[in-house]
C-alpha cells in the first residue's frame, strides 16, 4: 500500500479547512501510522485469543 506523502496530506486537510505545514503533516502522518499499527496488532491478538 502506498503511503500518503506529507504534501498530499496538506492538500487533503486544506480541502477540509485545516491549514497545516508540511512538517506538521509529517508528525500527523507518523502518529496515524503508529495508531494504525496498534489497532492492527490489537485486532490480531484478539482474534488469536479467541482462536479465530
PDB file of N, CA and C in Angstrom:
ATOM      1  N   UNK A   1       0.845  -1.177   0.000  1.00  0.00           N
ATOM      2  CA  UNK A   1       0.000   0.000   0.000  1.00  0.00           C
ATOM      3  C   UNK A   1       0.892   1.244   0.000  1.00  0.00           C
ATOM      4  N   UNK A   2       0.548   2.201  -0.810  1.00  0.00           N
ATOM      5  CA  UNK A   2       1.328   3.424  -0.943  1.00  0.00           C
ATOM      6  C   UNK A   2       1.054   4.362   0.229  1.00  0.00           C
ATOM      7  N   UNK A   3       2.131   4.903   0.797  1.00  0.00           N
ATOM      8  CA  UNK A   3       1.992   5.850   1.904  1.00  0.00           C
ATOM      9  C   UNK A   3       1.588   7.220   1.365  1.00  0.00           C
ATOM     10  N   UNK A   4       0.768   7.913   2.125  1.00  0.00           N
ATOM     11  CA  UNK A   4       0.394   9.281   1.782  1.00  0.00           C
ATOM     12  C   UNK A   4       1.579  10.186   2.089  1.00  0.00           C
ATOM     13  N   UNK A   5       1.965  10.991   1.140  1.00  0.00           N
ATOM     14  CA  UNK A   5       3.065  11.935   1.309  1.00  0.00           C
ATOM     15  C   UNK A   5       2.566  13.143   2.116  1.00  0.00           C
ATOM     16  N   UNK A   6       3.448  13.755   2.897  1.00  0.00           N
ATOM     17  CA  UNK A   6       3.041  14.921   3.693  1.00  0.00           C
ATOM     18  C   UNK A   6       2.414  16.031   2.843  1.00  0.00           C
ATOM     19  N   UNK A   7       2.946  16.233   1.650  1.00  0.00           N
ATOM     20  CA  UNK A   7       2.392  17.275   0.772  1.00  0.00           C
ATOM     21  C   UNK A   7       0.946  16.966   0.390  1.00  0.00           C
ATOM     22  N   UNK A   8       0.647  15.696   0.158  1.00  0.00           N
ATOM     23  CA  UNK A   8      -0.717  15.287  -0.176  1.00  0.00           C
ATOM     24  C   UNK A   8      -1.633  15.471   1.038  1.00  0.00           C
ATOM     25  N   UNK A   9      -1.109  15.160   2.226  1.00  0.00           N
ATOM     26  CA  UNK A   9      -1.888  15.345   3.448  1.00  0.00           C
ATOM     27  C   UNK A   9      -2.231  16.819   3.644  1.00  0.00           C
ATOM     28  N   UNK A  10      -1.263  17.699   3.350  1.00  0.00           N
ATOM     29  CA  UNK A  10      -1.513  19.143   3.451  1.00  0.00           C
ATOM     30  C   UNK A  10      -2.673  19.521   2.540  1.00  0.00           C
ATOM     31  N   UNK A  11      -2.651  19.029   1.297  1.00  0.00           N
ATOM     32  CA  UNK A  11      -3.723  19.327   0.338  1.00  0.00           C
ATOM     33  C   UNK A  11      -5.068  18.792   0.832  1.00  0.00           C
ATOM     34  N   UNK A  12      -5.072  17.552   1.312  1.00  0.00           N
ATOM     35  CA  UNK A  12      -6.314  16.927   1.762  1.00  0.00           C
ATOM     36  C   UNK A  12      -6.909  17.677   2.953  1.00  0.00           C
ATOM     37  N   UNK A  13      -6.049  18.041   3.893  1.00  0.00           N
ATOM     38  CA  UNK A  13      -6.532  18.770   5.064  1.00  0.00           C
ATOM     39  C   UNK A  13      -7.013  20.165   4.694  1.00  0.00           C
ATOM     40  N   UNK A  14      -6.320  20.803   3.748  1.00  0.00           N
ATOM     41  CA  UNK A  14      -6.719  22.145   3.309  1.00  0.00           C
ATOM     42  C   UNK A  14      -8.121  22.125   2.715  1.00  0.00           C
ATOM     43  N   UNK A  15      -8.447  21.064   1.976  1.00  0.00           N
ATOM     44  CA  UNK A  15      -9.784  20.929   1.392  1.00  0.00           C
ATOM     45  C   UNK A  15     -10.866  20.861   2.466  1.00  0.00           C
ATOM     46  N   UNK A  16     -10.472  20.420   3.650  1.00  0.00           N
ATOM     47  CA  UNK A  16     -11.417  20.327   4.773  1.00  0.00           C
ATOM     48  C   UNK A  16     -11.339  21.547   5.689  1.00  0.00           C
ATOM     49  N   UNK A  17     -10.543  22.555   5.268  1.00  0.00           N
ATOM     50  CA  UNK A  17     -10.450  23.785   6.032  1.00  0.00           C
ATOM     51  C   UNK A  17      -9.415  23.762   7.144  1.00  0.00           C
ATOM     52  N   UNK A  18      -8.499  22.800   7.096  1.00  0.00           N
ATOM     53  CA  UNK A  18      -7.456  22.689   8.121  1.00  0.00           C
ATOM     54  C   UNK A  18      -6.117  23.050   7.485  1.00  0.00           C
ATOM     55  N   UNK A  19      -5.499  24.114   7.988  1.00  0.00           N
ATOM     56  CA  UNK A  19      -4.212  24.570   7.460  1.00  0.00           C
ATOM     57  C   UNK A  19      -3.085  23.997   8.320  1.00  0.00           C
ATOM     58  N   UNK A  20      -2.194  23.226   7.711  1.00  0.00           N
ATOM     59  CA  UNK A  20      -1.014  22.703   8.395  1.00  0.00           C
ATOM     60  C   UNK A  20       0.191  22.850   7.485  1.00  0.00           C
ATOM     61  N   UNK A  21       1.366  22.853   8.099  1.00  0.00           N
ATOM     62  CA  UNK A  21       2.607  22.885   7.324  1.00  0.00           C
ATOM     63  C   UNK A  21       2.975  21.455   6.933  1.00  0.00           C
ATOM     64  N   UNK A  22       3.929  21.336   6.045  1.00  0.00           N
ATOM     65  CA  UNK A  22       4.422  20.010   5.646  1.00  0.00           C
ATOM     66  C   UNK A  22       5.011  19.294   6.867  1.00  0.00           C
ATOM     67  N   UNK A  23       5.718  20.042   7.700  1.00  0.00           N
ATOM     68  CA  UNK A  23       6.313  19.447   8.903  1.00  0.00           C
ATOM     69  C   UNK A  23       5.228  18.933   9.853  1.00  0.00           C
ATOM     70  N   UNK A  24       4.170  19.705  10.021  1.00  0.00           N
ATOM     71  CA  UNK A  24       3.069  19.264  10.876  1.00  0.00           C
ATOM     72  C   UNK A  24       2.388  18.035  10.279  1.00  0.00           C
ATOM     73  N   UNK A  25       2.252  18.020   8.966  1.00  0.00           N
ATOM     74  CA  UNK A  25       1.649  16.871   8.295  1.00  0.00           C
ATOM     75  C   UNK A  25       2.494  15.619   8.503  1.00  0.00           C
ATOM     76  N   UNK A  26       3.820  15.769   8.504  1.00  0.00           N
ATOM     77  CA  UNK A  26       4.704  14.626   8.767  1.00  0.00           C
ATOM     78  C   UNK A  26       4.441  14.049  10.158  1.00  0.00           C
ATOM     79  N   UNK A  27       4.290  14.926  11.142  1.00  0.00           N
ATOM     80  CA  UNK A  27       4.017  14.479  12.513  1.00  0.00           C
ATOM     81  C   UNK A  27       2.660  13.792  12.587  1.00  0.00           C
ATOM     82  N   UNK A  28       1.662  14.384  11.962  1.00  0.00           N
ATOM     83  CA  UNK A  28       0.312  13.811  11.958  1.00  0.00           C
ATOM     84  C   UNK A  28       0.329  12.426  11.317  1.00  0.00           C
ATOM     85  N   UNK A  29       0.980  12.304  10.165  1.00  0.00           N
ATOM     86  CA  UNK A  29       1.037  11.017   9.475  1.00  0.00           C
ATOM     87  C   UNK A  29       1.789   9.975  10.296  1.00  0.00           C
ATOM     88  N   UNK A  30       2.860  10.386  10.943  1.00  0.00           N
ATOM     89  CA  UNK A  30       3.607   9.466  11.800  1.00  0.00           C
ATOM     90  C   UNK A  30       2.743   8.944  12.931  1.00  0.00           C
ATOM     91  N   UNK A  31       1.984   9.844  13.553  1.00  0.00           N
ATOM     92  CA  UNK A  31       1.077   9.451  14.624  1.00  0.00           C
ATOM     93  C   UNK A  31       0.007   8.488  14.113  1.00  0.00           C
ATOM     94  N   UNK A  32      -0.582   8.807  12.969  1.00  0.00           N
ATOM     95  CA  UNK A  32      -1.633   7.949  12.417  1.00  0.00           C
ATOM     96  C   UNK A  32      -1.105   6.566  12.047  1.00  0.00           C
ATOM     97  N   UNK A  33       0.131   6.498  11.550  1.00  0.00           N
ATOM     98  CA  UNK A  33       0.731   5.192  11.228  1.00  0.00           C
ATOM     99  C   UNK A  33       0.939   4.367  12.496  1.00  0.00           C
ATOM    100  N   UNK A  34       1.421   5.021  13.565  1.00  0.00           N
ATOM    101  CA  UNK A  34       1.600   4.319  14.839  1.00  0.00           C
ATOM    102  C   UNK A  34       0.260   3.840  15.384  1.00  0.00           C
ATOM    103  N   UNK A  35      -0.741   4.694  15.313  1.00  0.00           N
ATOM    104  CA  UNK A  35      -2.074   4.337  15.795  1.00  0.00           C
ATOM    105  C   UNK A  35      -2.636   3.159  14.996  1.00  0.00           C
ATOM    106  N   UNK A  36      -2.476   3.186  13.690  1.00  0.00           N
ATOM    107  CA  UNK A  36      -2.961   2.097  12.842  1.00  0.00           C
ATOM    108  C   UNK A  36      -2.259   0.789  13.189  1.00  0.00           C
ATOM    109  N   UNK A  37      -0.961   0.849  13.443  1.00  0.00           N
ATOM    110  CA  UNK A  37      -0.210  -0.347  13.818  1.00  0.00           C
ATOM    111  C   UNK A  37      -0.742  -0.928  15.121  1.00  0.00           C
ATOM    112  N   UNK A  38      -0.986  -0.065  16.095  1.00  0.00           N
ATOM    113  CA  UNK A  38      -1.521  -0.517  17.385  1.00  0.00           C
ATOM    114  C   UNK A  38      -2.875  -1.196  17.197  1.00  0.00           C
ATOM    115  N   UNK A  39      -3.734  -0.602  16.399  1.00  0.00           N
ATOM    116  CA  UNK A  39      -5.068  -1.159  16.172  1.00  0.00           C
ATOM    117  C   UNK A  39      -4.974  -2.529  15.511  1.00  0.00           C
ATOM    118  N   UNK A  40      -4.130  -2.666  14.514  1.00  0.00           N
ATOM    119  CA  UNK A  40      -3.983  -3.947  13.814  1.00  0.00           C
ATOM    120  C   UNK A  40      -3.425  -5.015  14.749  1.00  0.00           C
ATOM    121  N   UNK A  41      -2.411  -4.661  15.527  1.00  0.00           N
ATOM    122  CA  UNK A  41      -1.827  -5.622  16.468  1.00  0.00           C
ATOM    123  C   UNK A  41      -2.870  -6.070  17.490  1.00  0.00           C
ATOM    124  N   UNK A  42      -3.640  -5.136  18.016  1.00  0.00           N
ATOM    125  CA  UNK A  42      -4.688  -5.481  18.991  1.00  0.00           C
ATOM    126  C   UNK A  42      -5.735  -6.400  18.355  1.00  0.00           C
ATOM    127  N   UNK A  43      -6.102  -6.117  17.123  1.00  0.00           N
ATOM    128  CA  UNK A  43      -7.092  -6.933  16.418  1.00  0.00           C
ATOM    129  C   UNK A  43      -6.571  -8.360  16.237  1.00  0.00           C
ATOM    130  N   UNK A  44      -5.327  -8.477  15.814  1.00  0.00           N
ATOM    131  CA  UNK A  44      -4.737  -9.807  15.600  1.00  0.00           C
ATOM    132  C   UNK A  44      -4.639 -10.571  16.921  1.00  0.00           C
ATOM    133  N   UNK A  45      -4.205  -9.879  17.975  1.00  0.00           N
ATOM    134  CA  UNK A  45      -4.122 -10.521  19.294  1.00  0.00           C
ATOM    135  C   UNK A  45      -5.483 -11.026  19.749  1.00  0.00           C
ATOM    136  N   UNK A  46      -6.517 -10.230  19.555  1.00  0.00           N
ATOM    137  CA  UNK A  46      -7.877 -10.604  19.966  1.00  0.00           C
ATOM    138  C   UNK A  46      -8.368 -11.801  19.173  1.00  0.00           C
ATOM    139  N   UNK A  47      -8.130 -11.811  17.875  1.00  0.00           N
ATOM    140  CA  UNK A  47      -8.546 -12.964  17.058  1.00  0.00           C
ATOM    141  C   UNK A  47      -7.783 -14.220  17.476  1.00  0.00           C
ATOM    142  N   UNK A  48      -6.502 -14.061  17.767  1.00  0.00           N
ATOM    143  CA  UNK A  48      -5.687 -15.197  18.198  1.00  0.00           C
ATOM    144  C   UNK A  48      -6.191 -15.730  19.544  1.00  0.00           C
ATOM    145  N   UNK A  49      -6.515 -14.810  20.450  1.00  0.00           N
ATOM    146  CA  UNK A  49      -7.020 -15.194  21.769  1.00  0.00           C
ATOM    147  C   UNK A  49      -8.334 -15.972  21.655  1.00  0.00           C
ATOM    148  N   UNK A  50      -9.157 -15.573  20.708  1.00  0.00           N
ATOM    149  CA  UNK A  50     -10.459 -16.240  20.504  1.00  0.00           C
ATOM    150  C   UNK A  50     -10.327 -17.514  19.675  1.00  0.00           C
ATOM    151  N   UNK A  51      -9.135 -17.736  19.123  1.00  0.00           N
ATOM    152  CA  UNK A  51      -8.918 -18.938  18.310  1.00  0.00           C
ATOM    153  C   UNK A  51      -9.528 -18.871  16.937  1.00  0.00           C
ATOM    154  N   UNK A  52      -9.661 -17.669  16.427  1.00  0.00           N
ATOM    155  CA  UNK A  52     -10.259 -17.485  15.092  1.00  0.00           C
ATOM    156  C   UNK A  52      -9.168 -17.539  14.045  1.00  0.00           C
TER     157      UNK A  52
END
